[in-house]
Amino acid sequence: MKLKPLQDRVLVKRLEEEGKTKGGIIIPDSAKEKPQRGEIIAAGPGKADKDGKSIKLAVKKGDTVLFNKYAGTEIKVDGAEFLIMREDDILAIID
């Protein structure tokens, strides 16, 4: 796959959520929401400020992140689903 995000955009692959609660109840697919966690697959170089200097992104390839529920644009590349979103839509980096 040759896909490189521009400016402050990142390419994210959603991570699958657990299909069972802590109490052992299995959640059917129809009741599951789309996960809000994902892994950064690729990141752009950063956004330019008003002086033309590049502002480096706080996230990097391989980071696991938490993002807004309706963040990004869904795309399909080679049969796999990804999200392209701005760094502003990312809420936190998960360690």
PDB file of N, CA and C in Angstrom:
ATOM      1  N   MET A   1       0.849  -1.168   0.000  1.00  0.00           N
ATOM      2  CA  MET A   1       0.000   0.000   0.000  1.00  0.00           C
ATOM      3  C   MET A   1       0.898   1.236   0.000  1.00  0.00           C
ATOM      4  N   LYS A   2       0.654   2.136  -0.886  1.00  0.00           N
ATOM      5  CA  LYS A   2       1.416   3.382  -0.992  1.00  0.00           C
ATOM      6  C   LYS A   2       0.457   4.544  -0.757  1.00  0.00           C
ATOM      7  N   LEU A   3       0.219   4.852   0.490  1.00  0.00           N
ATOM      8  CA  LEU A   3      -0.695   5.928   0.857  1.00  0.00           C
ATOM      9  C   LEU A   3      -0.028   6.768   1.928  1.00  0.00           C
ATOM     10  N   LYS A   4       0.200   8.045   1.640  1.00  0.00           N
ATOM     11  CA  LYS A   4       0.866   8.931   2.591  1.00  0.00           C
ATOM     12  C   LYS A   4      -0.043  10.123   2.854  1.00  0.00           C
ATOM     13  N   PRO A   5      -0.499  10.292   4.100  1.00  0.00           N
ATOM     14  CA  PRO A   5      -1.356  11.427   4.441  1.00  0.00           C
ATOM     15  C   PRO A   5      -0.611  12.756   4.276  1.00  0.00           C
ATOM     16  N   LEU A   6      -1.352  13.795   3.978  1.00  0.00           N
ATOM     17  CA  LEU A   6      -0.788  15.129   3.814  1.00  0.00           C
ATOM     18  C   LEU A   6      -1.005  15.972   5.064  1.00  0.00           C
ATOM     19  N   GLN A   7      -0.152  16.953   5.250  1.00  0.00           N
ATOM     20  CA  GLN A   7      -0.219  17.929   6.337  1.00  0.00           C
ATOM     21  C   GLN A   7      -0.392  17.260   7.693  1.00  0.00           C
ATOM     22  N   ASP A   8      -1.454  17.628   8.433  1.00  0.00           N
ATOM     23  CA  ASP A   8      -1.639  17.097   9.792  1.00  0.00           C
ATOM     24  C   ASP A   8      -2.633  15.939   9.831  1.00  0.00           C
ATOM     25  N   ARG A   9      -2.734  15.207   8.743  1.00  0.00           N
ATOM     26  CA  ARG A   9      -3.651  14.058   8.696  1.00  0.00           C
ATOM     27  C   ARG A   9      -2.904  12.767   9.037  1.00  0.00           C
ATOM     28  N   VAL A  10      -3.665  11.800   9.565  1.00  0.00           N
ATOM     29  CA  VAL A  10      -3.099  10.492   9.896  1.00  0.00           C
ATOM     30  C   VAL A  10      -4.000   9.402   9.338  1.00  0.00           C
ATOM     31  N   LEU A  11      -3.415   8.254   9.035  1.00  0.00           N
ATOM     32  CA  LEU A  11      -4.142   7.084   8.568  1.00  0.00           C
ATOM     33  C   LEU A  11      -4.253   6.136   9.754  1.00  0.00           C
ATOM     34  N   VAL A  12      -5.485   5.769  10.126  1.00  0.00           N
ATOM     35  CA  VAL A  12      -5.742   4.970  11.325  1.00  0.00           C
ATOM     36  C   VAL A  12      -6.482   3.693  10.954  1.00  0.00           C
ATOM     37  N   LYS A  13      -6.049   2.581  11.536  1.00  0.00           N
ATOM     38  CA  LYS A  13      -6.782   1.317  11.413  1.00  0.00           C
ATOM     39  C   LYS A  13      -7.480   1.079  12.735  1.00  0.00           C
ATOM     40  N   ARG A  14      -8.808   0.938  12.689  1.00  0.00           N
ATOM     41  CA  ARG A  14      -9.577   0.701  13.915  1.00  0.00           C
ATOM     42  C   ARG A  14      -9.160  -0.617  14.558  1.00  0.00           C
ATOM     43  N   LEU A  15      -9.089  -0.623  15.881  1.00  0.00           N
ATOM     44  CA  LEU A  15      -8.818  -1.841  16.637  1.00  0.00           C
ATOM     45  C   LEU A  15     -10.146  -2.449  17.059  1.00  0.00           C
ATOM     46  N   GLU A  16     -10.262  -3.741  16.948  1.00  0.00           N
ATOM     47  CA  GLU A  16     -11.502  -4.433  17.300  1.00  0.00           C
ATOM     48  C   GLU A  16     -11.757  -4.374  18.800  1.00  0.00           C
ATOM     49  N   GLU A  17     -13.001  -4.138  19.163  1.00  0.00           N
ATOM     50  CA  GLU A  17     -13.400  -4.111  20.568  1.00  0.00           C
ATOM     51  C   GLU A  17     -13.705  -5.538  21.030  1.00  0.00           C
ATOM     52  N   GLU A  18     -13.644  -5.729  22.322  1.00  0.00           N
ATOM     53  CA  GLU A  18     -13.955  -7.027  22.926  1.00  0.00           C
ATOM     54  C   GLU A  18     -15.427  -7.359  22.684  1.00  0.00           C
ATOM     55  N   GLY A  19     -15.737  -8.596  22.312  1.00  0.00           N
ATOM     56  CA  GLY A  19     -17.101  -9.025  22.033  1.00  0.00           C
ATOM     57  C   GLY A  19     -17.834  -9.547  23.256  1.00  0.00           C
ATOM     58  N   LYS A  20     -17.194  -9.429  24.434  1.00  0.00           N
ATOM     59  CA  LYS A  20     -17.777  -9.956  25.656  1.00  0.00           C
ATOM     60  C   LYS A  20     -17.526  -8.954  26.785  1.00  0.00           C
ATOM     61  N   THR A  21     -18.521  -8.768  27.649  1.00  0.00           N
ATOM     62  CA  THR A  21     -18.356  -7.863  28.791  1.00  0.00           C
ATOM     63  C   THR A  21     -17.542  -8.552  29.878  1.00  0.00           C
ATOM     64  N   LYS A  22     -17.155  -7.797  30.906  1.00  0.00           N
ATOM     65  CA  LYS A  22     -16.401  -8.373  32.018  1.00  0.00           C
ATOM     66  C   LYS A  22     -17.215  -9.434  32.745  1.00  0.00           C
ATOM     67  N   GLY A  23     -18.532  -9.299  32.719  1.00  0.00           N
ATOM     68  CA  GLY A  23     -19.407 -10.260  33.382  1.00  0.00           C
ATOM     69  C   GLY A  23     -19.660 -11.508  32.554  1.00  0.00           C
ATOM     70  N   GLY A  24     -19.138 -11.555  31.325  1.00  0.00           N
ATOM     71  CA  GLY A  24     -19.283 -12.741  30.490  1.00  0.00           C
ATOM     72  C   GLY A  24     -20.425 -12.680  29.495  1.00  0.00           C
ATOM     73  N   ILE A  25     -21.110 -11.549  29.410  1.00  0.00           N
ATOM     74  CA  ILE A  25     -22.214 -11.421  28.457  1.00  0.00           C
ATOM     75  C   ILE A  25     -21.641 -11.152  27.072  1.00  0.00           C
ATOM     76  N   ILE A  26     -22.078 -11.938  26.097  1.00  0.00           N
ATOM     77  CA  ILE A  26     -21.609 -11.771  24.719  1.00  0.00           C
ATOM     78  C   ILE A  26     -22.455 -10.705  24.037  1.00  0.00           C
ATOM     79  N   ILE A  27     -21.789  -9.731  23.428  1.00  0.00           N
ATOM     80  CA  ILE A  27     -22.477  -8.630  22.752  1.00  0.00           C
ATOM     81  C   ILE A  27     -22.635  -8.989  21.280  1.00  0.00           C
ATOM     82  N   PRO A  28     -23.879  -9.024  20.763  1.00  0.00           N
ATOM     83  CA  PRO A  28     -24.074  -9.348  19.343  1.00  0.00           C
ATOM     84  C   PRO A  28     -23.549  -8.220  18.448  1.00  0.00           C
ATOM     85  N   ASP A  29     -23.191  -8.579  17.219  1.00  0.00           N
ATOM     86  CA  ASP A  29     -22.653  -7.594  16.275  1.00  0.00           C
ATOM     87  C   ASP A  29     -23.599  -6.430  16.035  1.00  0.00           C
ATOM     88  N   SER A  30     -24.895  -6.685  16.054  1.00  0.00           N
ATOM     89  CA  SER A  30     -25.868  -5.622  15.788  1.00  0.00           C
ATOM     90  C   SER A  30     -25.913  -4.581  16.906  1.00  0.00           C
ATOM     91  N   ALA A  31     -25.447  -4.920  18.095  1.00  0.00           N
ATOM     92  CA  ALA A  31     -25.472  -3.995  19.227  1.00  0.00           C
ATOM     93  C   ALA A  31     -24.127  -3.295  19.452  1.00  0.00           C
ATOM     94  N   LYS A  32     -23.112  -3.739  18.733  1.00  0.00           N
ATOM     95  CA  LYS A  32     -21.783  -3.151  18.909  1.00  0.00           C
ATOM     96  C   LYS A  32     -21.696  -1.811  18.199  1.00  0.00           C
ATOM     97  N   GLU A  33     -20.966  -0.893  18.819  1.00  0.00           N
ATOM     98  CA  GLU A  33     -20.658   0.370  18.174  1.00  0.00           C
ATOM     99  C   GLU A  33     -19.276   0.258  17.549  1.00  0.00           C
ATOM    100  N   LYS A  34     -19.000   1.138  16.600  1.00  0.00           N
ATOM    101  CA  LYS A  34     -17.668   1.129  15.998  1.00  0.00           C
ATOM    102  C   LYS A  34     -16.654   1.545  17.053  1.00  0.00           C
ATOM    103  N   PRO A  35     -15.518   0.877  17.083  1.00  0.00           N
ATOM    104  CA  PRO A  35     -14.510   1.206  18.088  1.00  0.00           C
ATOM    105  C   PRO A  35     -13.949   2.612  17.902  1.00  0.00           C
ATOM    106  N   GLN A  36     -13.551   3.217  19.015  1.00  0.00           N
ATOM    107  CA  GLN A  36     -12.976   4.546  19.003  1.00  0.00           C
ATOM    108  C   GLN A  36     -11.481   4.495  19.277  1.00  0.00           C
ATOM    109  N   ARG A  37     -10.911   3.303  19.187  1.00  0.00           N
ATOM    110  CA  ARG A  37      -9.476   3.121  19.358  1.00  0.00           C
ATOM    111  C   ARG A  37      -8.902   2.650  18.036  1.00  0.00           C
ATOM    112  N   GLY A  38      -7.669   3.055  17.773  1.00  0.00           N
ATOM    113  CA  GLY A  38      -7.041   2.622  16.536  1.00  0.00           C
ATOM    114  C   GLY A  38      -5.538   2.763  16.608  1.00  0.00           C
ATOM    115  N   GLU A  39      -4.887   2.223  15.585  1.00  0.00           N
ATOM    116  CA  GLU A  39      -3.434   2.295  15.482  1.00  0.00           C
ATOM    117  C   GLU A  39      -3.071   3.194  14.314  1.00  0.00           C
ATOM    118  N   ILE A  40      -2.108   4.077  14.533  1.00  0.00           N
ATOM    119  CA  ILE A  40      -1.637   4.963  13.472  1.00  0.00           C
ATOM    120  C   ILE A  40      -0.811   4.131  12.490  1.00  0.00           C
ATOM    121  N   ILE A  41      -1.237   4.096  11.247  1.00  0.00           N
ATOM    122  CA  ILE A  41      -0.540   3.352  10.202  1.00  0.00           C
ATOM    123  C   ILE A  41       0.443   4.259   9.468  1.00  0.00           C
ATOM    124  N   ALA A  42       0.055   5.511   9.258  1.00  0.00           N
ATOM    125  CA  ALA A  42       0.918   6.497   8.600  1.00  0.00           C
ATOM    126  C   ALA A  42       0.519   7.880   9.080  1.00  0.00           C
ATOM    127  N   ALA A  43       1.479   8.795   9.075  1.00  0.00           N
ATOM    128  CA  ALA A  43       1.223  10.170   9.513  1.00  0.00           C
ATOM    129  C   ALA A  43       1.860  11.140   8.535  1.00  0.00           C
ATOM    130  N   GLY A  44       1.193  12.270   8.335  1.00  0.00           N
ATOM    131  CA  GLY A  44       1.726  13.312   7.473  1.00  0.00           C
ATOM    132  C   GLY A  44       2.886  14.037   8.144  1.00  0.00           C
ATOM    133  N   PRO A  45       3.520  14.946   7.412  1.00  0.00           N
ATOM    134  CA  PRO A  45       4.687  15.649   7.943  1.00  0.00           C
ATOM    135  C   PRO A  45       4.348  16.725   8.974  1.00  0.00           C
ATOM    136  N   GLY A  46       3.119  17.176   9.005  1.00  0.00           N
ATOM    137  CA  GLY A  46       2.725  18.234   9.932  1.00  0.00           C
ATOM    138  C   GLY A  46       2.168  19.426   9.175  1.00  0.00           C
ATOM    139  N   LYS A  47       1.510  20.285   9.901  1.00  0.00           N
ATOM    140  CA  LYS A  47       0.880  21.452   9.307  1.00  0.00           C
ATOM    141  C   LYS A  47       1.841  22.639   9.351  1.00  0.00           C
ATOM    142  N   ALA A  48       1.774  23.480   8.341  1.00  0.00           N
ATOM    143  CA  ALA A  48       2.625  24.663   8.299  1.00  0.00           C
ATOM    144  C   ALA A  48       1.963  25.801   9.062  1.00  0.00           C
ATOM    145  N   ASP A  49       2.757  26.535   9.834  1.00  0.00           N
ATOM    146  CA  ASP A  49       2.212  27.693  10.537  1.00  0.00           C
ATOM    147  C   ASP A  49       2.205  28.897   9.590  1.00  0.00           C
ATOM    148  N   LYS A  50       1.824  30.060  10.098  1.00  0.00           N
ATOM    149  CA  LYS A  50       1.686  31.233   9.230  1.00  0.00           C
ATOM    150  C   LYS A  50       3.024  31.720   8.668  1.00  0.00           C
ATOM    151  N   ASP A  51       4.147  31.303   9.285  1.00  0.00           N
ATOM    152  CA  ASP A  51       5.470  31.672   8.779  1.00  0.00           C
ATOM    153  C   ASP A  51       6.020  30.637   7.798  1.00  0.00           C
ATOM    154  N   GLY A  52       5.280  29.551   7.584  1.00  0.00           N
ATOM    155  CA  GLY A  52       5.707  28.508   6.663  1.00  0.00           C
ATOM    156  C   GLY A  52       6.525  27.399   7.300  1.00  0.00           C
ATOM    157  N   LYS A  53       6.743  27.470   8.604  1.00  0.00           N
ATOM    158  CA  LYS A  53       7.487  26.416   9.297  1.00  0.00           C
ATOM    159  C   LYS A  53       6.547  25.258   9.618  1.00  0.00           C
ATOM    160  N   SER A  54       7.059  24.050   9.492  1.00  0.00           N
ATOM    161  CA  SER A  54       6.266  22.852   9.740  1.00  0.00           C
ATOM    162  C   SER A  54       6.148  22.583  11.242  1.00  0.00           C
ATOM    163  N   ILE A  55       4.923  22.331  11.703  1.00  0.00           N
ATOM    164  CA  ILE A  55       4.672  21.962  13.096  1.00  0.00           C
ATOM    165  C   ILE A  55       4.537  20.448  13.140  1.00  0.00           C
ATOM    166  N   LYS A  56       5.461  19.794  13.799  1.00  0.00           N
ATOM    167  CA  LYS A  56       5.510  18.334  13.868  1.00  0.00           C
ATOM    168  C   LYS A  56       4.289  17.775  14.611  1.00  0.00           C
ATOM    169  N   LEU A  57       3.810  16.614  14.171  1.00  0.00           N
ATOM    170  CA  LEU A  57       2.676  15.960  14.823  1.00  0.00           C
ATOM    171  C   LEU A  57       3.095  15.362  16.162  1.00  0.00           C
ATOM    172  N   ALA A  58       2.140  15.276  17.085  1.00  0.00           N
ATOM    173  CA  ALA A  58       2.393  14.675  18.401  1.00  0.00           C
ATOM    174  C   ALA A  58       2.298  13.157  18.349  1.00  0.00           C
ATOM    175  N   VAL A  59       1.685  12.623  17.293  1.00  0.00           N
ATOM    176  CA  VAL A  59       1.540  11.166  17.150  1.00  0.00           C
ATOM    177  C   VAL A  59       2.488  10.676  16.068  1.00  0.00           C
ATOM    178  N   LYS A  60       2.789   9.367  16.118  1.00  0.00           N
ATOM    179  CA  LYS A  60       3.669   8.778  15.117  1.00  0.00           C
ATOM    180  C   LYS A  60       3.153   7.392  14.746  1.00  0.00           C
ATOM    181  N   LYS A  61       3.699   6.832  13.710  1.00  0.00           N
ATOM    182  CA  LYS A  61       3.323   5.505  13.245  1.00  0.00           C
ATOM    183  C   LYS A  61       3.499   4.497  14.384  1.00  0.00           C
ATOM    184  N   GLY A  62       2.489   3.651  14.584  1.00  0.00           N
ATOM    185  CA  GLY A  62       2.546   2.624  15.622  1.00  0.00           C
ATOM    186  C   GLY A  62       1.859   3.003  16.917  1.00  0.00           C
ATOM    187  N   ASP A  63       1.535   4.289  17.117  1.00  0.00           N
ATOM    188  CA  ASP A  63       0.831   4.719  18.330  1.00  0.00           C
ATOM    189  C   ASP A  63      -0.600   4.191  18.339  1.00  0.00           C
ATOM    190  N   THR A  64      -1.077   3.810  19.514  1.00  0.00           N
ATOM    191  CA  THR A  64      -2.480   3.453  19.701  1.00  0.00           C
ATOM    192  C   THR A  64      -3.170   4.689  20.247  1.00  0.00           C
ATOM    193  N   VAL A  65      -4.266   5.094  19.590  1.00  0.00           N
ATOM    194  CA  VAL A  65      -4.920   6.354  19.937  1.00  0.00           C
ATOM    195  C   VAL A  65      -6.406   6.171  20.190  1.00  0.00           C
ATOM    196  N   LEU A  66      -6.962   7.145  20.890  1.00  0.00           N
ATOM    197  CA  LEU A  66      -8.397   7.247  21.140  1.00  0.00           C
ATOM    198  C   LEU A  66      -8.871   8.462  20.362  1.00  0.00           C
ATOM    199  N   PHE A  67      -9.950   8.305  19.571  1.00  0.00           N
ATOM    200  CA  PHE A  67     -10.408   9.410  18.734  1.00  0.00           C
ATOM    201  C   PHE A  67     -11.911   9.615  18.866  1.00  0.00           C
ATOM    202  N   ASN A  68     -12.383  10.756  18.353  1.00  0.00           N
ATOM    203  CA  ASN A  68     -13.807  11.093  18.386  1.00  0.00           C
ATOM    204  C   ASN A  68     -14.633  10.025  17.686  1.00  0.00           C
ATOM    205  N   LYS A  69     -15.857   9.843  18.142  1.00  0.00           N
ATOM    206  CA  LYS A  69     -16.741   8.817  17.614  1.00  0.00           C
ATOM    207  C   LYS A  69     -16.993   8.960  16.111  1.00  0.00           C
ATOM    208  N   TYR A  70     -17.180  10.181  15.649  1.00  0.00           N
ATOM    209  CA  TYR A  70     -17.503  10.407  14.238  1.00  0.00           C
ATOM    210  C   TYR A  70     -16.344  11.053  13.496  1.00  0.00           C
ATOM    211  N   ALA A  71     -15.131  10.808  13.952  1.00  0.00           N
ATOM    212  CA  ALA A  71     -13.950  11.441  13.364  1.00  0.00           C
ATOM    213  C   ALA A  71     -13.559  10.772  12.052  1.00  0.00           C
ATOM    214  N   GLY A  72     -12.974  11.562  11.188  1.00  0.00           N
ATOM    215  CA  GLY A  72     -12.335  11.046   9.991  1.00  0.00           C
ATOM    216  C   GLY A  72     -13.262  10.646   8.865  1.00  0.00           C
ATOM    217  N   THR A  73     -12.614  10.224   7.791  1.00  0.00           N
ATOM    218  CA  THR A  73     -13.289   9.755   6.587  1.00  0.00           C
ATOM    219  C   THR A  73     -12.905   8.303   6.377  1.00  0.00           C
ATOM    220  N   GLU A  74     -13.909   7.441   6.232  1.00  0.00           N
ATOM    221  CA  GLU A  74     -13.637   6.022   6.039  1.00  0.00           C
ATOM    222  C   GLU A  74     -13.246   5.769   4.593  1.00  0.00           C
ATOM    223  N   ILE A  75     -12.168   4.979   4.417  1.00  0.00           N
ATOM    224  CA  ILE A  75     -11.729   4.595   3.080  1.00  0.00           C
ATOM    225  C   ILE A  75     -11.397   3.108   3.077  1.00  0.00           C
ATOM    226  N   LYS A  76     -11.381   2.507   1.880  1.00  0.00           N
ATOM    227  CA  LYS A  76     -10.979   1.114   1.713  1.00  0.00           C
ATOM    228  C   LYS A  76      -9.772   1.080   0.803  1.00  0.00           C
ATOM    229  N   VAL A  77      -8.725   0.407   1.248  1.00  0.00           N
ATOM    230  CA  VAL A  77      -7.517   0.247   0.456  1.00  0.00           C
ATOM    231  C   VAL A  77      -7.139  -1.224   0.477  1.00  0.00           C
ATOM    232  N   ASP A  78      -7.043  -1.833  -0.682  1.00  0.00           N
ATOM    233  CA  ASP A  78      -6.704  -3.257  -0.801  1.00  0.00           C
ATOM    234  C   ASP A  78      -7.623  -4.135   0.053  1.00  0.00           C
ATOM    235  N   GLY A  79      -8.905  -3.782   0.149  1.00  0.00           N
ATOM    236  CA  GLY A  79      -9.883  -4.565   0.890  1.00  0.00           C
ATOM    237  C   GLY A  79      -9.914  -4.309   2.386  1.00  0.00           C
ATOM    238  N   ALA A  80      -9.006  -3.500   2.903  1.00  0.00           N
ATOM    239  CA  ALA A  80      -8.965  -3.186   4.338  1.00  0.00           C
ATOM    240  C   ALA A  80      -9.563  -1.796   4.567  1.00  0.00           C
ATOM    241  N   GLU A  81     -10.248  -1.621   5.710  1.00  0.00           N
ATOM    242  CA  GLU A  81     -10.875  -0.344   6.030  1.00  0.00           C
ATOM    243  C   GLU A  81      -9.964   0.489   6.923  1.00  0.00           C
ATOM    244  N   PHE A  82      -9.861   1.769   6.597  1.00  0.00           N
ATOM    245  CA  PHE A  82      -9.046   2.713   7.346  1.00  0.00           C
ATOM    246  C   PHE A  82      -9.822   4.005   7.540  1.00  0.00           C
ATOM    247  N   LEU A  83      -9.314   4.861   8.400  1.00  0.00           N
ATOM    248  CA  LEU A  83      -9.825   6.210   8.583  1.00  0.00           C
ATOM    249  C   LEU A  83      -8.701   7.189   8.294  1.00  0.00           C
ATOM    250  N   ILE A  84      -9.029   8.269   7.602  1.00  0.00           N
ATOM    251  CA  ILE A  84      -8.100   9.385   7.475  1.00  0.00           C
ATOM    252  C   ILE A  84      -8.697  10.512   8.283  1.00  0.00           C
ATOM    253  N   MET A  85      -7.921  11.034   9.238  1.00  0.00           N
ATOM    254  CA  MET A  85      -8.428  12.097  10.103  1.00  0.00           C
ATOM    255  C   MET A  85      -7.332  13.104  10.397  1.00  0.00           C
ATOM    256  N   ARG A  86      -7.749  14.258  10.853  1.00  0.00           N
ATOM    257  CA  ARG A  86      -6.794  15.283  11.282  1.00  0.00           C
ATOM    258  C   ARG A  86      -6.318  14.957  12.695  1.00  0.00           C
ATOM    259  N   GLU A  87      -5.154  15.436  13.023  1.00  0.00           N
ATOM    260  CA  GLU A  87      -4.610  15.200  14.353  1.00  0.00           C
ATOM    261  C   GLU A  87      -5.529  15.786  15.429  1.00  0.00           C
ATOM    262  N   ASP A  88      -6.265  16.853  15.108  1.00  0.00           N
ATOM    263  CA  ASP A  88      -7.183  17.479  16.069  1.00  0.00           C
ATOM    264  C   ASP A  88      -8.289  16.533  16.532  1.00  0.00           C
ATOM    265  N   ASP A  89      -8.637  15.520  15.709  1.00  0.00           N
ATOM    266  CA  ASP A  89      -9.686  14.568  16.067  1.00  0.00           C
ATOM    267  C   ASP A  89      -9.206  13.511  17.048  1.00  0.00           C
ATOM    268  N   ILE A  90      -7.903  13.423  17.271  1.00  0.00           N
ATOM    269  CA  ILE A  90      -7.345  12.450  18.208  1.00  0.00           C
ATOM    270  C   ILE A  90      -7.405  13.027  19.612  1.00  0.00           C
ATOM    271  N   LEU A  91      -7.992  12.262  20.528  1.00  0.00           N
ATOM    272  CA  LEU A  91      -8.173  12.724  21.906  1.00  0.00           C
ATOM    273  C   LEU A  91      -7.000  12.380  22.807  1.00  0.00           C
ATOM    274  N   ALA A  92      -6.402  11.190  22.599  1.00  0.00           N
ATOM    275  CA  ALA A  92      -5.331  10.753  23.491  1.00  0.00           C
ATOM    276  C   ALA A  92      -4.510   9.643  22.847  1.00  0.00           C
ATOM    277  N   ILE A  93      -3.281   9.504  23.320  1.00  0.00           N
ATOM    278  CA  ILE A  93      -2.423   8.379  22.956  1.00  0.00           C
ATOM    279  C   ILE A  93      -2.517   7.378  24.097  1.00  0.00           C
ATOM    280  N   ILE A  94      -2.771   6.118  23.786  1.00  0.00           N
ATOM    281  CA  ILE A  94      -2.905   5.068  24.790  1.00  0.00           C
ATOM    282  C   ILE A  94      -1.574   4.340  24.927  1.00  0.00           C
ATOM    283  N   ASP A  95      -1.046   4.279  26.151  1.00  0.00           N
ATOM    284  CA  ASP A  95       0.206   3.563  26.414  1.00  0.00           C
ATOM    285  C   ASP A  95      -0.050   2.112  26.674  1.00  0.00           C
TER     286      ASP A  95
END
